Amino acid sequence: MTKQDFHVHTTYSDGDNSPEEMILAAIDKGMTKIGISDHSYTWFDETYCVPKERIAEYKKEITALKEKYKDQIKVLCGVEQDYYSEEPTDDYDYVIGSVHYLKVDDGFAYVDESPELFQKAINESFGSDVYAFAEAYFATVADVVNKTGADIIGHFDLFTKFNEDVKGGRANLFFDPSHPRYVTAWKKAVDALLPSDKYFEINTGGMASGRKTSPYPSVEIQNYIRLHGGKLLLSSDAHKAENLCFRFEEI
């Protein structure tokens, strides 16, 4: 199979390796294409994203690396644009649109920061109703292409990130993915996104981090997308070089 990976993070945001290290690792793995897609700047949370003052530097470095390695691999300069980011995306090669938070009143409910903050959001922002949280999440994801101009829809059901205890072999720690309210919520979001004809990524990042036993989105959601004519694209969400194309052949 053709080896390519377009969801890749570096030390410009929350990755462990520099862009050049990621590109060299991709060449070593026999990859034909790599897209660097660090996190867009979010004014309300600067802990994980490209600092605003380094955005131009990020673009300049990736552009230089494109030229440096053009005879060995095709390099693209992308961005993972958070739904609430206010930064322009016009001069990137492609955009991954993702939802990591939900705007609630005067603050944000965190979807994927930690199990503790996920529980806090359920309790304090959604009246201890996890399915209300899920419904709000998928309603936001349904608008992610419209809001971000995404070419790729990032980790569609990121909401499941903390729902497994992989080491302990336990599932459904926060909710039941087969619950009718949950299923209805994600189906509405898929149905809203399908007309955009954008790629839904099959993201193995949760597997690489030991949080999940399967990719985002679930096999059930993948099958629904396929059945309704949607497009799927493998991605690793790699935050370190060793996880590029993580378990792609198996998936």
C-alpha atoms as a PDB file:
ATOM      1  CA  MET A   1       0.000   0.000   0.000  1.00  0.00           C
ATOM      2  CA  THR A   2       1.043   3.613  -0.534  1.00  0.00           C
ATOM      3  CA  LYS A   3       2.508   5.042   2.650  1.00  0.00           C
ATOM      4  CA  GLN A   4       1.370   8.562   3.367  1.00  0.00           C
ATOM      5  CA  ASP A   5       0.394  10.359   6.546  1.00  0.00           C
ATOM      6  CA  PHE A   6      -1.118  13.827   6.816  1.00  0.00           C
ATOM      7  CA  HIS A   7      -1.892  14.167  10.549  1.00  0.00           C
ATOM      8  CA  VAL A   8       1.539  14.792  12.066  1.00  0.00           C
ATOM      9  CA  HIS A   9       2.603  17.017  14.968  1.00  0.00           C
ATOM     10  CA  THR A  10       6.033  18.433  15.760  1.00  0.00           C
ATOM     11  CA  THR A  11       7.787  20.497  18.415  1.00  0.00           C
ATOM     12  CA  TYR A  12       6.071  23.583  16.987  1.00  0.00           C
ATOM     13  CA  SER A  13       2.995  22.420  18.915  1.00  0.00           C
ATOM     14  CA  ASP A  14       2.758  19.359  21.188  1.00  0.00           C
ATOM     15  CA  GLY A  15       4.947  16.870  19.306  1.00  0.00           C
ATOM     16  CA  ASP A  16       8.242  15.342  20.429  1.00  0.00           C
ATOM     17  CA  ASN A  17      10.243  15.709  17.195  1.00  0.00           C
ATOM     18  CA  SER A  18      11.158  18.581  14.896  1.00  0.00           C
ATOM     19  CA  PRO A  19       9.633  18.787  11.406  1.00  0.00           C
ATOM     20  CA  GLU A  20      12.908  17.658   9.836  1.00  0.00           C
ATOM     21  CA  GLU A  21      13.144  14.683  12.195  1.00  0.00           C
ATOM     22  CA  MET A  22       9.620  13.675  11.231  1.00  0.00           C
ATOM     23  CA  ILE A  23      10.428  13.966   7.528  1.00  0.00           C
ATOM     24  CA  LEU A  24      13.633  11.925   7.871  1.00  0.00           C
ATOM     25  CA  ALA A  25      11.713   9.238   9.774  1.00  0.00           C
ATOM     26  CA  ALA A  26       9.101   9.216   7.012  1.00  0.00           C
ATOM     27  CA  ILE A  27      11.812   8.690   4.397  1.00  0.00           C
ATOM     28  CA  ASP A  28      13.259   5.847   6.479  1.00  0.00           C
ATOM     29  CA  LYS A  29       9.804   4.238   6.588  1.00  0.00           C
ATOM     30  CA  GLY A  30       9.519   4.414   2.804  1.00  0.00           C
ATOM     31  CA  MET A  31       6.716   6.947   2.866  1.00  0.00           C
ATOM     32  CA  THR A  32       5.885   8.819  -0.329  1.00  0.00           C
ATOM     33  CA  LYS A  33       4.073  11.786   1.254  1.00  0.00           C
ATOM     34  CA  ILE A  34       3.985  13.472   4.649  1.00  0.00           C
ATOM     35  CA  GLY A  35       1.914  16.393   5.810  1.00  0.00           C
ATOM     36  CA  ILE A  36       2.983  18.379   8.862  1.00  0.00           C
ATOM     37  CA  SER A  37      -0.188  19.605  10.577  1.00  0.00           C
ATOM     38  CA  ASP A  38       0.549  21.264  13.874  1.00  0.00           C
ATOM     39  CA  HIS A  39      -2.230  22.665  16.043  1.00  0.00           C
ATOM     40  CA  SER A  40      -3.655  26.053  15.151  1.00  0.00           C
ATOM     41  CA  TYR A  41      -3.313  28.832  17.697  1.00  0.00           C
ATOM     42  CA  THR A  42      -6.170  29.045  20.186  1.00  0.00           C
ATOM     43  CA  TRP A  43      -6.199  32.218  22.254  1.00  0.00           C
ATOM     44  CA  PHE A  44      -7.941  30.575  25.212  1.00  0.00           C
ATOM     45  CA  ASP A  45      -5.514  27.636  25.515  1.00  0.00           C
ATOM     46  CA  GLU A  46      -1.880  28.147  24.525  1.00  0.00           C
ATOM     47  CA  THR A  47      -0.549  24.952  26.108  1.00  0.00           C
ATOM     48  CA  TYR A  48      -0.586  22.714  23.041  1.00  0.00           C
ATOM     49  CA  CYS A  49      -0.626  24.850  19.880  1.00  0.00           C
ATOM     50  CA  VAL A  50       1.801  26.752  17.664  1.00  0.00           C
ATOM     51  CA  PRO A  51       2.440  30.067  19.456  1.00  0.00           C
ATOM     52  CA  LYS A  52       0.997  32.979  17.538  1.00  0.00           C
ATOM     53  CA  GLU A  53       4.413  34.579  17.145  1.00  0.00           C
ATOM     54  CA  ARG A  54       5.840  31.384  15.567  1.00  0.00           C
ATOM     55  CA  ILE A  55       3.189  30.747  12.896  1.00  0.00           C
ATOM     56  CA  ALA A  56       5.188  32.486  10.154  1.00  0.00           C
ATOM     57  CA  GLU A  57       8.338  30.614  11.205  1.00  0.00           C
ATOM     58  CA  TYR A  58       6.435  27.311  11.045  1.00  0.00           C
ATOM     59  CA  LYS A  59       5.267  27.945   7.490  1.00  0.00           C
ATOM     60  CA  LYS A  60       8.721  29.138   6.397  1.00  0.00           C
ATOM     61  CA  GLU A  61      10.478  26.066   7.795  1.00  0.00           C
ATOM     62  CA  ILE A  62       8.077  23.577   6.225  1.00  0.00           C
ATOM     63  CA  THR A  63       8.410  25.386   2.884  1.00  0.00           C
ATOM     64  CA  ALA A  64      12.204  25.098   3.090  1.00  0.00           C
ATOM     65  CA  LEU A  65      11.983  21.394   3.985  1.00  0.00           C
ATOM     66  CA  LYS A  66       9.694  20.779   1.007  1.00  0.00           C
ATOM     67  CA  GLU A  67      12.470  21.958  -1.266  1.00  0.00           C
ATOM     68  CA  LYS A  68      15.282  20.237   0.634  1.00  0.00           C
ATOM     69  CA  TYR A  69      13.688  16.793   0.449  1.00  0.00           C
ATOM     70  CA  LYS A  70      11.675  17.108  -2.778  1.00  0.00           C
ATOM     71  CA  ASP A  71      13.625  14.303  -4.473  1.00  0.00           C
ATOM     72  CA  GLN A  72      12.933  11.876  -1.626  1.00  0.00           C
ATOM     73  CA  ILE A  73       9.415  12.610  -0.401  1.00  0.00           C
ATOM     74  CA  LYS A  74       6.543  15.019  -1.021  1.00  0.00           C
ATOM     75  CA  VAL A  75       6.119  17.328   1.967  1.00  0.00           C
ATOM     76  CA  LEU A  76       2.937  19.322   2.611  1.00  0.00           C
ATOM     77  CA  CYS A  77       2.387  22.169   5.041  1.00  0.00           C
ATOM     78  CA  GLY A  78      -0.934  21.740   6.809  1.00  0.00           C
ATOM     79  CA  VAL A  79      -2.639  22.758  10.008  1.00  0.00           C
ATOM     80  CA  GLU A  80      -4.994  21.072  12.444  1.00  0.00           C
ATOM     81  CA  GLN A  81      -7.492  23.871  12.784  1.00  0.00           C
ATOM     82  CA  ASP A  82      -9.474  23.784  15.995  1.00  0.00           C
ATOM     83  CA  TYR A  83     -13.136  24.707  15.618  1.00  0.00           C
ATOM     84  CA  TYR A  84     -12.633  27.748  17.859  1.00  0.00           C
ATOM     85  CA  SER A  85      -9.376  28.963  16.366  1.00  0.00           C
ATOM     86  CA  GLU A  86      -9.538  32.413  14.803  1.00  0.00           C
ATOM     87  CA  GLU A  87      -6.390  32.085  12.668  1.00  0.00           C
ATOM     88  CA  PRO A  88      -6.604  32.215   8.841  1.00  0.00           C
ATOM     89  CA  THR A  89      -5.874  29.025   6.891  1.00  0.00           C
ATOM     90  CA  ASP A  90      -5.702  30.316   3.312  1.00  0.00           C
ATOM     91  CA  ASP A  91      -2.007  29.634   2.691  1.00  0.00           C
ATOM     92  CA  TYR A  92      -1.792  26.054   3.989  1.00  0.00           C
ATOM     93  CA  ASP A  93      -1.725  23.091   1.608  1.00  0.00           C
ATOM     94  CA  TYR A  94      -4.592  21.478   3.502  1.00  0.00           C
ATOM     95  CA  VAL A  95      -6.605  21.789   6.700  1.00  0.00           C
ATOM     96  CA  ILE A  96      -7.670  19.184   9.259  1.00  0.00           C
ATOM     97  CA  GLY A  97     -10.768  20.393  11.075  1.00  0.00           C
ATOM     98  CA  SER A  98     -11.099  19.218  14.670  1.00  0.00           C
ATOM     99  CA  VAL A  99     -13.190  19.807  17.775  1.00  0.00           C
ATOM    100  CA  HIS A 100     -11.231  19.596  21.049  1.00  0.00           C
ATOM    101  CA  TYR A 101     -13.490  21.776  23.219  1.00  0.00           C
ATOM    102  CA  LEU A 102     -17.049  23.012  23.453  1.00  0.00           C
ATOM    103  CA  LYS A 103     -17.899  26.627  24.189  1.00  0.00           C
ATOM    104  CA  VAL A 104     -20.067  26.657  27.294  1.00  0.00           C
ATOM    105  CA  ASP A 105     -21.305  29.923  28.784  1.00  0.00           C
ATOM    106  CA  ASP A 106     -18.176  32.021  29.377  1.00  0.00           C
ATOM    107  CA  GLY A 107     -15.698  29.145  29.188  1.00  0.00           C
ATOM    108  CA  PHE A 108     -14.816  25.897  27.468  1.00  0.00           C
ATOM    109  CA  ALA A 109     -15.601  22.264  28.250  1.00  0.00           C
ATOM    110  CA  TYR A 110     -12.612  20.036  27.494  1.00  0.00           C
ATOM    111  CA  VAL A 111     -13.251  16.940  25.387  1.00  0.00           C
ATOM    112  CA  ASP A 112      -9.789  15.356  25.275  1.00  0.00           C
ATOM    113  CA  GLU A 113      -7.536  16.994  27.876  1.00  0.00           C
ATOM    114  CA  SER A 114      -7.903  14.455  30.708  1.00  0.00           C
ATOM    115  CA  PRO A 115     -10.473  12.072  32.226  1.00  0.00           C
ATOM    116  CA  GLU A 116     -10.826  14.451  35.151  1.00  0.00           C
ATOM    117  CA  LEU A 117     -11.684  17.457  32.972  1.00  0.00           C
ATOM    118  CA  PHE A 118     -14.011  15.291  30.878  1.00  0.00           C
ATOM    119  CA  GLN A 119     -15.895  14.323  34.052  1.00  0.00           C
ATOM    120  CA  LYS A 120     -15.896  17.938  35.202  1.00  0.00           C
ATOM    121  CA  ALA A 121     -17.500  18.989  31.913  1.00  0.00           C
ATOM    122  CA  ILE A 122     -20.202  16.339  32.298  1.00  0.00           C
ATOM    123  CA  ASN A 123     -20.988  17.395  35.846  1.00  0.00           C
ATOM    124  CA  GLU A 124     -20.673  21.171  35.656  1.00  0.00           C
ATOM    125  CA  SER A 125     -21.578  22.022  32.067  1.00  0.00           C
ATOM    126  CA  PHE A 126     -24.133  19.333  31.192  1.00  0.00           C
ATOM    127  CA  GLY A 127     -25.928  18.621  34.447  1.00  0.00           C
ATOM    128  CA  SER A 128     -24.260  15.198  34.852  1.00  0.00           C
ATOM    129  CA  ASP A 129     -25.812  14.079  31.545  1.00  0.00           C
ATOM    130  CA  VAL A 130     -22.995  12.604  29.436  1.00  0.00           C
ATOM    131  CA  TYR A 131     -25.316  12.140  26.462  1.00  0.00           C
ATOM    132  CA  ALA A 132     -26.159  15.838  26.480  1.00  0.00           C
ATOM    133  CA  PHE A 133     -22.400  16.447  26.300  1.00  0.00           C
ATOM    134  CA  ALA A 134     -22.154  13.987  23.379  1.00  0.00           C
ATOM    135  CA  GLU A 135     -25.055  15.633  21.573  1.00  0.00           C
ATOM    136  CA  ALA A 136     -23.444  19.059  21.893  1.00  0.00           C
ATOM    137  CA  TYR A 137     -20.092  17.664  20.758  1.00  0.00           C
ATOM    138  CA  PHE A 138     -21.452  16.015  17.608  1.00  0.00           C
ATOM    139  CA  ALA A 139     -23.599  19.046  16.794  1.00  0.00           C
ATOM    140  CA  THR A 140     -20.366  21.061  16.761  1.00  0.00           C
ATOM    141  CA  VAL A 141     -18.485  18.445  14.730  1.00  0.00           C
ATOM    142  CA  ALA A 142     -21.324  18.578  12.194  1.00  0.00           C
ATOM    143  CA  ASP A 143     -20.307  22.194  11.490  1.00  0.00           C
ATOM    144  CA  VAL A 144     -16.530  21.671  11.447  1.00  0.00           C
ATOM    145  CA  VAL A 145     -16.076  21.800   7.668  1.00  0.00           C
ATOM    146  CA  ASN A 146     -18.199  24.935   7.404  1.00  0.00           C
ATOM    147  CA  LYS A 147     -16.304  26.620  10.249  1.00  0.00           C
ATOM    148  CA  THR A 148     -12.712  25.589   9.464  1.00  0.00           C
ATOM    149  CA  GLY A 149     -12.775  24.965   5.716  1.00  0.00           C
ATOM    150  CA  ALA A 150     -11.378  21.515   6.427  1.00  0.00           C
ATOM    151  CA  ASP A 151     -10.197  19.099   3.757  1.00  0.00           C
ATOM    152  CA  ILE A 152      -9.997  16.323   6.376  1.00  0.00           C
ATOM    153  CA  ILE A 153     -12.374  15.778   9.303  1.00  0.00           C
ATOM    154  CA  GLY A 154     -10.220  15.058  12.356  1.00  0.00           C
ATOM    155  CA  HIS A 155     -10.844  12.187  14.809  1.00  0.00           C
ATOM    156  CA  PHE A 156     -14.625  12.332  14.344  1.00  0.00           C
ATOM    157  CA  ASP A 157     -15.526  10.566  17.618  1.00  0.00           C
ATOM    158  CA  LEU A 158     -12.748  11.996  19.799  1.00  0.00           C
ATOM    159  CA  PHE A 159     -15.443  11.978  22.469  1.00  0.00           C
ATOM    160  CA  THR A 160     -14.515   8.306  23.117  1.00  0.00           C
ATOM    161  CA  LYS A 161     -10.914   9.090  24.096  1.00  0.00           C
ATOM    162  CA  PHE A 162     -11.300   8.309  27.795  1.00  0.00           C
ATOM    163  CA  ASN A 163     -14.022   5.675  27.542  1.00  0.00           C
ATOM    164  CA  GLU A 164     -11.682   2.673  27.746  1.00  0.00           C
ATOM    165  CA  ASP A 165      -9.262   1.334  30.313  1.00  0.00           C
ATOM    166  CA  VAL A 166      -7.045  -0.539  27.866  1.00  0.00           C
ATOM    167  CA  LYS A 167      -4.682  -2.039  30.448  1.00  0.00           C
ATOM    168  CA  GLY A 168      -7.513  -3.068  32.721  1.00  0.00           C
ATOM    169  CA  GLY A 169      -9.609  -4.400  29.865  1.00  0.00           C
ATOM    170  CA  ARG A 170     -12.615  -2.276  30.812  1.00  0.00           C
ATOM    171  CA  ALA A 171     -14.902  -0.420  28.418  1.00  0.00           C
ATOM    172  CA  ASN A 172     -17.686   2.161  28.617  1.00  0.00           C
ATOM    173  CA  LEU A 173     -16.155   4.014  31.550  1.00  0.00           C
ATOM    174  CA  PHE A 174     -18.243   7.137  30.921  1.00  0.00           C
ATOM    175  CA  PHE A 175     -21.006   6.075  28.520  1.00  0.00           C
ATOM    176  CA  ASP A 176     -22.387   3.346  26.287  1.00  0.00           C
ATOM    177  CA  PRO A 177     -21.618   4.020  22.577  1.00  0.00           C
ATOM    178  CA  SER A 178     -24.648   1.927  21.613  1.00  0.00           C
ATOM    179  CA  HIS A 179     -27.027   4.189  23.556  1.00  0.00           C
ATOM    180  CA  PRO A 180     -29.727   5.526  21.192  1.00  0.00           C
ATOM    181  CA  ARG A 181     -29.000   9.158  22.037  1.00  0.00           C
ATOM    182  CA  TYR A 182     -25.304   8.708  21.261  1.00  0.00           C
ATOM    183  CA  VAL A 183     -25.950   6.860  17.996  1.00  0.00           C
ATOM    184  CA  THR A 184     -28.508   9.415  16.864  1.00  0.00           C
ATOM    185  CA  ALA A 185     -26.054  12.237  17.616  1.00  0.00           C
ATOM    186  CA  TRP A 186     -23.190  10.839  15.563  1.00  0.00           C
ATOM    187  CA  LYS A 187     -25.427   9.813  12.668  1.00  0.00           C
ATOM    188  CA  LYS A 188     -26.782  13.359  12.436  1.00  0.00           C
ATOM    189  CA  ALA A 189     -23.212  14.683  12.324  1.00  0.00           C
ATOM    190  CA  VAL A 190     -22.103  12.233   9.619  1.00  0.00           C
ATOM    191  CA  ASP A 191     -25.205  13.022   7.559  1.00  0.00           C
ATOM    192  CA  ALA A 192     -24.475  16.747   7.838  1.00  0.00           C
ATOM    193  CA  LEU A 193     -20.834  16.306   6.777  1.00  0.00           C
ATOM    194  CA  LEU A 194     -21.250  13.845   3.905  1.00  0.00           C
ATOM    195  CA  PRO A 195     -22.405  16.470   1.340  1.00  0.00           C
ATOM    196  CA  SER A 196     -19.096  18.327   1.812  1.00  0.00           C
ATOM    197  CA  ASP A 197     -17.307  15.357   0.166  1.00  0.00           C
ATOM    198  CA  LYS A 198     -14.375  15.761   2.545  1.00  0.00           C
ATOM    199  CA  TYR A 199     -12.289  12.938   3.985  1.00  0.00           C
ATOM    200  CA  PHE A 200     -13.095  11.437   7.369  1.00  0.00           C
ATOM    201  CA  GLU A 201      -9.798  10.297   8.818  1.00  0.00           C
ATOM    202  CA  ILE A 202      -9.301   6.849  10.334  1.00  0.00           C
ATOM    203  CA  ASN A 203      -7.047   8.051  13.131  1.00  0.00           C
ATOM    204  CA  THR A 204      -4.794   5.594  14.995  1.00  0.00           C
ATOM    205  CA  GLY A 205      -3.474   8.162  17.480  1.00  0.00           C
ATOM    206  CA  GLY A 206      -5.545   6.886  20.405  1.00  0.00           C
ATOM    207  CA  MET A 207      -4.131   3.412  19.829  1.00  0.00           C
ATOM    208  CA  ALA A 208      -0.561   4.719  19.741  1.00  0.00           C
ATOM    209  CA  SER A 209      -1.068   6.541  23.042  1.00  0.00           C
ATOM    210  CA  GLY A 210      -2.548   3.444  24.709  1.00  0.00           C
ATOM    211  CA  ARG A 211      -5.939   5.082  25.247  1.00  0.00           C
ATOM    212  CA  LYS A 212      -7.896   3.009  22.728  1.00  0.00           C
ATOM    213  CA  THR A 213      -7.988  -0.473  21.238  1.00  0.00           C
ATOM    214  CA  SER A 214      -9.378   0.761  17.913  1.00  0.00           C
ATOM    215  CA  PRO A 215      -9.119   3.910  15.779  1.00  0.00           C
ATOM    216  CA  TYR A 216     -11.282   6.988  15.634  1.00  0.00           C
ATOM    217  CA  PRO A 217     -13.983   6.691  14.414  1.00  0.00           C
ATOM    218  CA  SER A 218     -15.391   3.343  15.555  1.00  0.00           C
ATOM    219  CA  VAL A 219     -15.841   0.548  13.037  1.00  0.00           C
ATOM    220  CA  GLU A 220     -19.607   1.096  13.232  1.00  0.00           C
ATOM    221  CA  ILE A 221     -19.187   4.730  12.236  1.00  0.00           C
ATOM    222  CA  GLN A 222     -16.655   3.857   9.524  1.00  0.00           C
ATOM    223  CA  ASN A 223     -19.129   1.390   8.029  1.00  0.00           C
ATOM    224  CA  TYR A 224     -21.918   3.973   8.121  1.00  0.00           C
ATOM    225  CA  ILE A 225     -19.688   6.477   6.325  1.00  0.00           C
ATOM    226  CA  ARG A 226     -18.753   3.914   3.653  1.00  0.00           C
ATOM    227  CA  LEU A 227     -22.350   2.779   3.204  1.00  0.00           C
ATOM    228  CA  HIS A 228     -23.411   6.365   2.554  1.00  0.00           C
ATOM    229  CA  GLY A 229     -20.638   7.118   0.063  1.00  0.00           C
ATOM    230  CA  GLY A 230     -18.221   8.953   2.353  1.00  0.00           C
ATOM    231  CA  LYS A 231     -14.452   9.029   1.947  1.00  0.00           C
ATOM    232  CA  LEU A 232     -11.960   7.708   4.503  1.00  0.00           C
ATOM    233  CA  LEU A 233      -8.244   8.423   4.881  1.00  0.00           C
ATOM    234  CA  LEU A 234      -5.714   6.751   7.185  1.00  0.00           C
ATOM    235  CA  SER A 235      -3.846   9.050   9.561  1.00  0.00           C
ATOM    236  CA  SER A 236      -1.689   8.504  12.615  1.00  0.00           C
ATOM    237  CA  ASP A 237      -1.997  11.773  14.555  1.00  0.00           C
ATOM    238  CA  ALA A 238       1.670  11.078  15.289  1.00  0.00           C
ATOM    239  CA  HIS A 239       3.276  13.145  18.034  1.00  0.00           C
ATOM    240  CA  LYS A 240       6.567  11.268  17.755  1.00  0.00           C
ATOM    241  CA  ALA A 241       8.496   9.892  14.771  1.00  0.00           C
ATOM    242  CA  GLU A 242       8.080   6.243  15.716  1.00  0.00           C
ATOM    243  CA  ASN A 243       4.291   6.529  15.393  1.00  0.00           C
ATOM    244  CA  LEU A 244       4.147   7.660  11.772  1.00  0.00           C
ATOM    245  CA  CYS A 245       1.735   5.381   9.850  1.00  0.00           C
ATOM    246  CA  PHE A 246       0.973   3.628  13.158  1.00  0.00           C
ATOM    247  CA  ARG A 247      -0.576   0.196  12.422  1.00  0.00           C
ATOM    248  CA  PHE A 248      -1.746   1.353   8.997  1.00  0.00           C
ATOM    249  CA  GLU A 249      -1.248  -2.032   7.310  1.00  0.00           C
ATOM    250  CA  GLU A 250      -3.310  -3.791   9.976  1.00  0.00           C
ATOM    251  CA  ILE A 251      -6.098  -1.210   9.909  1.00  0.00           C
END
